[in-house]
């Protein structure tokens, strides 16, 4: 089978990479049609690239974050189109970043971009049933055009290394973009509550909440926070993550929490780091189970989170067991090979 990977991203996103890596390992031929030129010029360049292919492939896979390409792909391709969406433009810009309010032409534009993308593809891949329900209801998309396929990470990069030792002081990790749903203000509150405890916090990420974090660290003299805002090489990132004793999910009560699965969820599982999420993380709780493969605490509640961290710190055996259970779950259901096998079965239905 020849698969045309159609995308406008410079680098292949983790969700796409996990599938493409597995498909290649199974003998599938991946041909790229990629352009990230700003503005409408990218469409002309992509059309030229695609014209050279002459539809000489079996199926088109439109990549993550390429919503605006799906209707265009429908116009230029006669092959079945599968869209690896993960999320929505509306959710990322209007819901997560709170740009442009709730009314106006930009809001309508984002909604229509998603609506056209989901309707133009024969099938859209989403990461949880909670997100399937959300998109079906929000954008009036037939459920027959949506399918849940677990997300993944590059398991060649996020690979547990027993040689990496934990740092001496109990260290809590927060890794990822500092968006509204991250709830970084609650982590700041926790760090302030636990200032006198032998606990440190390692934050690896940047974004919307960075100014608040910088200001809070300074005003509250939070010497127990190590903040790494720059983008680390993959090897350094994995090492910094695996040195930590506990990994945190998103901490807010934001609506997006209910269906979103951040990549750090699978990264933590793959690196055998125990993972603590909020009880409103319904999408994650479709595959993780409290006190078996993860830990839970109330959302948007710094005091409860501080108490949970203190309790877990004193239960190292429980941390190790939950991390091991999650790691085994990753190996049995979330590797690139296993995910791509499921995707291949889906694709074969259209050939």
Protein backbone atom coordinates (compact mmCIF):
# COMPACT_ATOMS: atom_id res chain seq x y z
CA UNK A 1 0.00 0.00 0.00
CA UNK A 2 1.24 3.50 -0.89
CA UNK A 3 0.17 6.26 1.49
CA UNK A 4 0.40 9.94 0.62
CA UNK A 5 1.17 11.92 3.77
CA UNK A 6 -0.27 15.40 3.15
CA UNK A 7 0.78 18.10 5.62
CA UNK A 8 1.76 21.73 6.15
CA UNK A 9 3.96 21.21 9.23
CA UNK A 10 7.72 21.74 9.14
CA UNK A 11 8.46 18.75 11.35
CA UNK A 12 6.30 15.66 11.66
CA UNK A 13 4.18 15.99 14.83
CA UNK A 14 4.44 13.20 17.45
CA UNK A 15 0.94 11.84 16.76
CA UNK A 16 1.68 11.49 13.04
CA UNK A 17 5.19 10.21 13.64
CA UNK A 18 4.02 7.34 15.83
CA UNK A 19 1.69 6.07 13.08
CA UNK A 20 4.06 6.69 10.15
CA UNK A 21 6.93 4.95 11.89
CA UNK A 22 4.81 1.87 12.51
CA UNK A 23 3.34 1.85 8.99
CA UNK A 24 6.83 2.01 7.48
CA UNK A 25 7.95 -0.87 9.69
CA UNK A 26 5.05 -2.91 8.32
CA UNK A 27 6.24 -2.39 4.75
CA UNK A 28 3.91 0.46 3.78
CA UNK A 29 5.39 3.05 1.43
CA UNK A 30 4.99 6.63 2.65
CA UNK A 31 5.29 9.42 0.08
CA UNK A 32 5.28 12.95 1.43
CA UNK A 33 3.45 15.92 -0.01
CA UNK A 34 4.52 18.71 2.33
CA UNK A 35 4.80 22.49 2.26
CA UNK A 36 4.87 25.07 5.03
CA UNK A 37 5.12 28.26 2.98
CA UNK A 38 3.19 31.12 4.65
CA UNK A 39 -0.06 32.27 3.08
CA UNK A 40 -1.95 30.82 0.13
CA UNK A 41 1.24 30.10 -1.80
CA UNK A 42 1.47 26.75 0.00
CA UNK A 43 -1.64 25.52 -1.81
CA UNK A 44 -0.04 26.19 -5.21
CA UNK A 45 3.14 24.37 -4.16
CA UNK A 46 1.20 21.43 -2.75
CA UNK A 47 -0.88 21.20 -5.91
CA UNK A 48 2.32 21.07 -7.99
CA UNK A 49 3.78 18.34 -5.78
CA UNK A 50 0.58 16.34 -5.86
CA UNK A 51 0.27 16.66 -9.65
CA UNK A 52 3.58 14.84 -9.99
CA UNK A 53 2.13 11.91 -8.05
CA UNK A 54 -0.85 11.62 -10.43
CA UNK A 55 -2.86 9.95 -7.68
CA UNK A 56 -0.31 7.12 -7.78
CA UNK A 57 -1.08 6.07 -4.22
CA UNK A 58 -3.84 4.19 -2.44
CA UNK A 59 -4.92 6.50 0.34
CA UNK A 60 -4.17 9.99 1.60
CA UNK A 61 -3.38 10.68 5.25
CA UNK A 62 -3.78 14.37 6.10
CA UNK A 63 -1.58 15.13 9.06
CA UNK A 64 -2.12 16.65 12.47
CA UNK A 65 -2.85 20.42 12.58
CA UNK A 66 -3.59 20.48 8.84
CA UNK A 67 -7.31 21.21 9.03
CA UNK A 68 -7.23 23.77 6.22
CA UNK A 69 -5.73 21.18 3.88
CA UNK A 70 -8.52 18.61 4.10
CA UNK A 71 -11.04 20.41 1.81
CA UNK A 72 -8.16 21.19 -0.57
CA UNK A 73 -7.13 17.52 -0.55
CA UNK A 74 -10.71 16.59 -1.38
CA UNK A 75 -10.57 18.86 -4.44
CA UNK A 76 -7.30 17.57 -5.89
CA UNK A 77 -7.35 13.89 -4.91
CA UNK A 78 -9.55 11.05 -6.10
CA UNK A 79 -8.32 8.74 -3.35
CA UNK A 80 -9.87 8.12 0.09
CA UNK A 81 -8.82 10.73 2.65
CA UNK A 82 -8.19 10.01 6.33
CA UNK A 83 -7.60 12.99 8.58
CA UNK A 84 -5.43 12.50 11.66
CA UNK A 85 -7.02 15.43 13.46
CA UNK A 86 -6.52 14.84 17.20
CA UNK A 87 -8.14 18.20 17.99
CA UNK A 88 -9.87 21.19 16.45
CA UNK A 89 -8.86 24.67 15.33
CA UNK A 90 -11.79 26.10 17.28
CA UNK A 91 -10.75 24.35 20.47
CA UNK A 92 -7.10 25.36 20.17
CA UNK A 93 -7.64 29.04 19.35
CA UNK A 94 -11.01 29.95 20.85
CA UNK A 95 -11.28 27.42 23.67
CA UNK A 96 -7.68 27.04 24.84
CA UNK A 97 -6.18 30.46 24.10
CA UNK A 98 -9.43 32.41 24.62
CA UNK A 99 -8.70 34.56 21.58
CA UNK A 100 -11.38 36.70 19.93
CA UNK A 101 -14.09 36.03 22.54
CA UNK A 102 -17.09 33.88 21.69
CA UNK A 103 -18.56 35.87 18.79
CA UNK A 104 -17.26 37.48 15.61
CA UNK A 105 -16.07 36.47 12.18
CA UNK A 106 -12.84 34.85 13.48
CA UNK A 107 -14.85 32.54 15.73
CA UNK A 108 -17.08 31.60 12.80
CA UNK A 109 -14.01 31.07 10.61
CA UNK A 110 -12.47 28.62 13.13
CA UNK A 111 -15.75 26.72 13.47
CA UNK A 112 -16.21 26.47 9.69
CA UNK A 113 -12.59 25.36 9.22
CA UNK A 114 -13.23 22.40 11.49
CA UNK A 115 -16.65 21.66 10.02
CA UNK A 116 -15.25 21.58 6.47
CA UNK A 117 -12.27 19.46 7.49
CA UNK A 118 -14.34 16.79 9.24
CA UNK A 119 -16.90 16.66 6.45
CA UNK A 120 -14.31 16.59 3.64
CA UNK A 121 -12.51 13.52 4.97
CA UNK A 122 -13.91 10.02 4.63
CA UNK A 123 -12.81 9.42 8.20
CA UNK A 124 -11.28 11.49 11.00
CA UNK A 125 -9.06 9.94 13.66
CA UNK A 126 -9.53 11.19 17.23
CA UNK A 127 -7.81 10.15 20.43
CA UNK A 128 -10.69 9.50 22.87
CA UNK A 129 -14.38 8.69 22.83
CA UNK A 130 -14.93 11.83 24.89
CA UNK A 131 -13.47 13.88 22.05
CA UNK A 132 -15.55 11.97 19.49
CA UNK A 133 -18.68 12.96 21.44
CA UNK A 134 -17.51 16.57 21.74
CA UNK A 135 -16.78 17.00 18.02
CA UNK A 136 -19.90 15.18 16.88
CA UNK A 137 -22.05 17.49 18.99
CA UNK A 138 -20.09 20.73 18.52
CA UNK A 139 -19.75 20.51 14.75
CA UNK A 140 -22.75 18.34 13.83
CA UNK A 141 -20.55 15.61 12.33
CA UNK A 142 -22.00 12.10 11.74
CA UNK A 143 -20.37 9.67 14.13
CA UNK A 144 -19.76 7.31 11.21
CA UNK A 145 -17.10 9.81 10.02
CA UNK A 146 -15.26 9.81 13.37
CA UNK A 147 -13.24 7.01 14.95
CA UNK A 148 -11.28 6.73 18.17
CA UNK A 149 -7.67 5.65 17.72
CA UNK A 150 -5.34 6.06 20.68
CA UNK A 151 -2.59 8.60 20.26
CA UNK A 152 1.07 7.71 20.58
CA UNK A 153 4.60 9.07 20.85
CA UNK A 154 7.87 8.25 19.15
CA UNK A 155 8.79 5.25 21.27
CA UNK A 156 12.27 5.29 19.76
CA UNK A 157 12.83 8.60 21.56
CA UNK A 158 10.64 8.22 24.64
CA UNK A 159 12.21 4.97 25.73
CA UNK A 160 12.72 4.00 29.36
CA UNK A 161 16.39 3.89 30.34
CA UNK A 162 17.09 2.06 33.63
CA UNK A 163 20.52 3.72 33.75
CA UNK A 164 18.94 7.14 34.41
CA UNK A 165 18.67 7.63 38.16
CA UNK A 166 16.20 9.81 40.04
CA UNK A 167 17.55 13.04 41.48
CA UNK A 168 18.21 13.06 45.22
CA UNK A 169 15.32 15.33 46.24
CA UNK A 170 11.76 14.24 45.48
CA UNK A 171 11.01 16.10 42.24
CA UNK A 172 7.62 16.71 40.64
CA UNK A 173 7.59 17.24 36.88
CA UNK A 174 5.32 19.49 34.84
CA UNK A 175 6.13 19.23 31.13
CA UNK A 176 4.27 20.95 28.30
CA UNK A 177 2.88 24.21 26.95
CA UNK A 178 1.72 26.65 29.61
CA UNK A 179 -1.78 27.17 28.18
CA UNK A 180 -4.91 28.05 30.15
CA UNK A 181 -5.84 24.42 30.77
CA UNK A 182 -2.36 23.75 32.14
CA UNK A 183 -3.41 25.47 35.36
CA UNK A 184 0.12 26.65 36.11
CA UNK A 185 -1.27 29.01 38.78
CA UNK A 186 -2.30 25.97 40.81
CA UNK A 187 1.19 24.51 40.58
CA UNK A 188 2.58 27.83 41.80
CA UNK A 189 0.21 27.62 44.77
CA UNK A 190 1.40 24.09 45.51
CA UNK A 191 5.05 25.14 45.34
CA UNK A 192 4.31 27.96 47.79
CA UNK A 193 2.48 25.62 50.20
CA UNK A 194 5.31 23.09 50.12
CA UNK A 195 8.23 25.54 50.34
CA UNK A 196 9.36 24.08 53.64
CA UNK A 197 9.18 20.47 52.43
CA UNK A 198 12.03 18.50 50.77
CA UNK A 199 10.19 18.62 47.46
CA UNK A 200 11.20 20.34 44.23
CA UNK A 201 9.29 21.14 41.05
CA UNK A 202 10.71 20.92 37.55
CA UNK A 203 8.72 22.78 34.89
CA UNK A 204 9.72 22.17 31.27
CA UNK A 205 7.70 24.38 28.96
CA UNK A 206 6.74 27.82 27.79
CA UNK A 207 3.72 29.64 26.41
CA UNK A 208 0.69 31.68 27.42
CA UNK A 209 1.22 31.35 31.19
CA UNK A 210 4.97 32.08 31.14
CA UNK A 211 4.70 35.72 32.32
CA UNK A 212 2.52 34.67 35.27
CA UNK A 213 4.98 31.92 36.18
CA UNK A 214 8.00 34.24 36.01
CA UNK A 215 6.26 36.88 38.11
CA UNK A 216 5.08 34.35 40.71
CA UNK A 217 8.50 32.71 41.09
CA UNK A 218 10.01 36.13 41.76
CA UNK A 219 7.32 37.56 44.05
CA UNK A 220 6.93 34.40 46.15
CA UNK A 221 10.66 33.57 46.17
CA UNK A 222 9.96 30.04 44.96
CA UNK A 223 13.44 28.57 45.07
CA UNK A 224 11.90 25.09 44.91
CA UNK A 225 10.92 25.59 41.24
CA UNK A 226 13.34 24.77 38.44
CA UNK A 227 11.93 26.25 35.23
CA UNK A 228 13.33 25.25 31.84
CA UNK A 229 11.51 27.42 29.26
CA UNK A 230 13.70 26.63 26.26
CA UNK A 231 13.11 23.74 23.88
CA UNK A 232 15.47 20.90 24.78
CA UNK A 233 16.98 18.33 22.41
CA UNK A 234 14.98 15.09 22.63
CA UNK A 235 17.71 13.22 24.48
CA UNK A 236 18.09 15.95 27.10
CA UNK A 237 14.32 16.20 27.50
CA UNK A 238 13.93 12.48 28.12
CA UNK A 239 16.78 12.52 30.65
CA UNK A 240 15.33 15.53 32.52
CA UNK A 241 11.90 13.90 32.62
CA UNK A 242 13.02 10.48 33.78
CA UNK A 243 15.02 11.98 36.65
CA UNK A 244 11.73 13.05 38.26
CA UNK A 245 9.67 11.04 40.75
CA UNK A 246 6.17 12.13 39.72
CA UNK A 247 4.68 13.65 36.56
CA UNK A 248 1.69 16.01 36.57
CA UNK A 249 -1.04 16.29 33.96
CA UNK A 250 -3.04 19.47 33.32
CA UNK A 251 -4.30 20.97 36.58
CA UNK A 252 -7.28 23.19 35.73
CA UNK A 253 -11.04 22.75 35.53
CA UNK A 254 -10.99 23.95 31.90
CA UNK A 255 -13.56 22.35 29.59
CA UNK A 256 -10.76 21.01 27.37
CA UNK A 257 -9.59 18.87 30.27
CA UNK A 258 -12.56 16.60 29.80
CA UNK A 259 -11.48 15.19 26.44
CA UNK A 260 -7.86 16.20 25.84
CA UNK A 261 -4.90 13.82 26.18
CA UNK A 262 -1.62 15.78 26.28
CA UNK A 263 1.40 14.05 24.82
CA UNK A 264 3.07 14.02 28.24
CA UNK A 265 0.53 11.39 29.28
CA UNK A 266 1.99 8.81 26.89
CA UNK A 267 5.51 10.14 27.43
CA UNK A 268 5.21 9.57 31.19
CA UNK A 269 3.83 6.07 30.63
CA UNK A 270 6.65 5.20 28.21
CA UNK A 271 9.32 6.55 30.57
CA UNK A 272 7.86 4.75 33.58
CA UNK A 273 7.11 7.94 35.52
CA UNK A 274 4.03 7.79 37.80
CA UNK A 275 1.37 10.16 36.48
CA UNK A 276 -0.98 12.35 38.50
CA UNK A 277 -4.04 13.81 36.75
CA UNK A 278 -7.18 15.68 37.75
CA UNK A 279 -10.42 13.77 38.25
CA UNK A 280 -12.04 15.65 35.33
CA UNK A 281 -9.60 14.15 32.80
CA UNK A 282 -12.30 11.88 31.40
CA UNK A 283 -10.53 11.18 28.11
CA UNK A 284 -7.39 9.96 29.87
CA UNK A 285 -9.47 7.91 32.28
CA UNK A 286 -10.78 5.93 29.30
CA UNK A 287 -7.49 4.03 29.37
CA UNK A 288 -5.90 4.84 32.74
CA UNK A 289 -7.36 3.70 36.07
CA UNK A 290 -6.97 5.57 39.33
CA UNK A 291 -4.52 3.94 41.77
CA UNK A 292 -3.66 1.27 39.19
CA UNK A 293 -2.07 3.12 36.28
CA UNK A 294 -2.37 6.73 37.49
CA UNK A 295 -3.27 8.90 40.46
CA UNK A 296 -6.08 11.47 40.63
CA UNK A 297 -6.81 14.65 42.55
CA UNK A 298 -9.52 17.37 42.38
CA UNK A 299 -9.08 19.92 39.55
CA UNK A 300 -8.08 23.56 40.12
CA UNK A 301 -7.29 22.91 43.78
CA UNK A 302 -3.76 23.70 44.88
CA UNK A 303 -4.30 22.65 48.48
CA UNK A 304 -5.64 19.20 47.52
CA UNK A 305 -2.81 18.73 45.04
CA UNK A 306 -0.21 19.63 47.66
CA UNK A 307 -1.71 17.09 50.06
CA UNK A 308 -1.71 14.43 47.35
CA UNK A 309 1.93 15.05 46.46
CA UNK A 310 2.95 14.87 50.13
CA UNK A 311 1.08 11.59 50.56
CA UNK A 312 2.61 10.03 47.43
CA UNK A 313 6.10 11.16 48.40
CA UNK A 314 5.86 8.95 51.47
CA UNK A 315 4.67 5.95 49.44
CA UNK A 316 7.56 5.15 47.12
CA UNK A 317 6.50 1.52 46.60
CA UNK A 318 3.06 2.64 45.41
CA UNK A 319 4.65 5.13 43.01
CA UNK A 320 6.87 2.43 41.55
CA UNK A 321 3.99 -0.04 41.14
CA UNK A 322 1.65 2.40 39.43
CA UNK A 323 4.44 3.55 37.11
CA UNK A 324 5.23 -0.09 36.23
CA UNK A 325 1.56 -0.84 35.54
CA UNK A 326 1.26 2.17 33.23
CA UNK A 327 4.49 1.21 31.47
CA UNK A 328 3.21 -2.30 30.81
CA UNK A 329 -0.06 -0.84 29.51
CA UNK A 330 1.91 1.35 27.12
CA UNK A 331 3.89 -1.63 25.86
CA UNK A 332 0.73 -3.69 25.33
CA UNK A 333 -1.45 -1.06 23.63
CA UNK A 334 0.32 2.17 22.71
CA UNK A 335 3.54 1.38 20.84
CA UNK A 336 3.98 2.68 17.29
CA UNK A 337 3.74 -0.84 15.94
CA UNK A 338 0.45 -1.62 17.66
CA UNK A 339 -1.18 1.71 16.83
CA UNK A 340 -0.15 1.51 13.18
CA UNK A 341 -1.58 -2.00 12.93
CA UNK A 342 -4.95 -0.62 14.00
CA UNK A 343 -4.63 2.27 11.56
CA UNK A 344 -3.75 -0.11 8.73
CA UNK A 345 -6.89 -2.11 9.38
CA UNK A 346 -8.91 1.09 9.17
CA UNK A 347 -7.23 2.08 5.91
CA UNK A 348 -7.78 -1.31 4.32
CA UNK A 349 -11.53 -0.77 4.63
CA UNK A 350 -11.26 2.02 2.04
CA UNK A 351 -9.09 0.17 -0.49
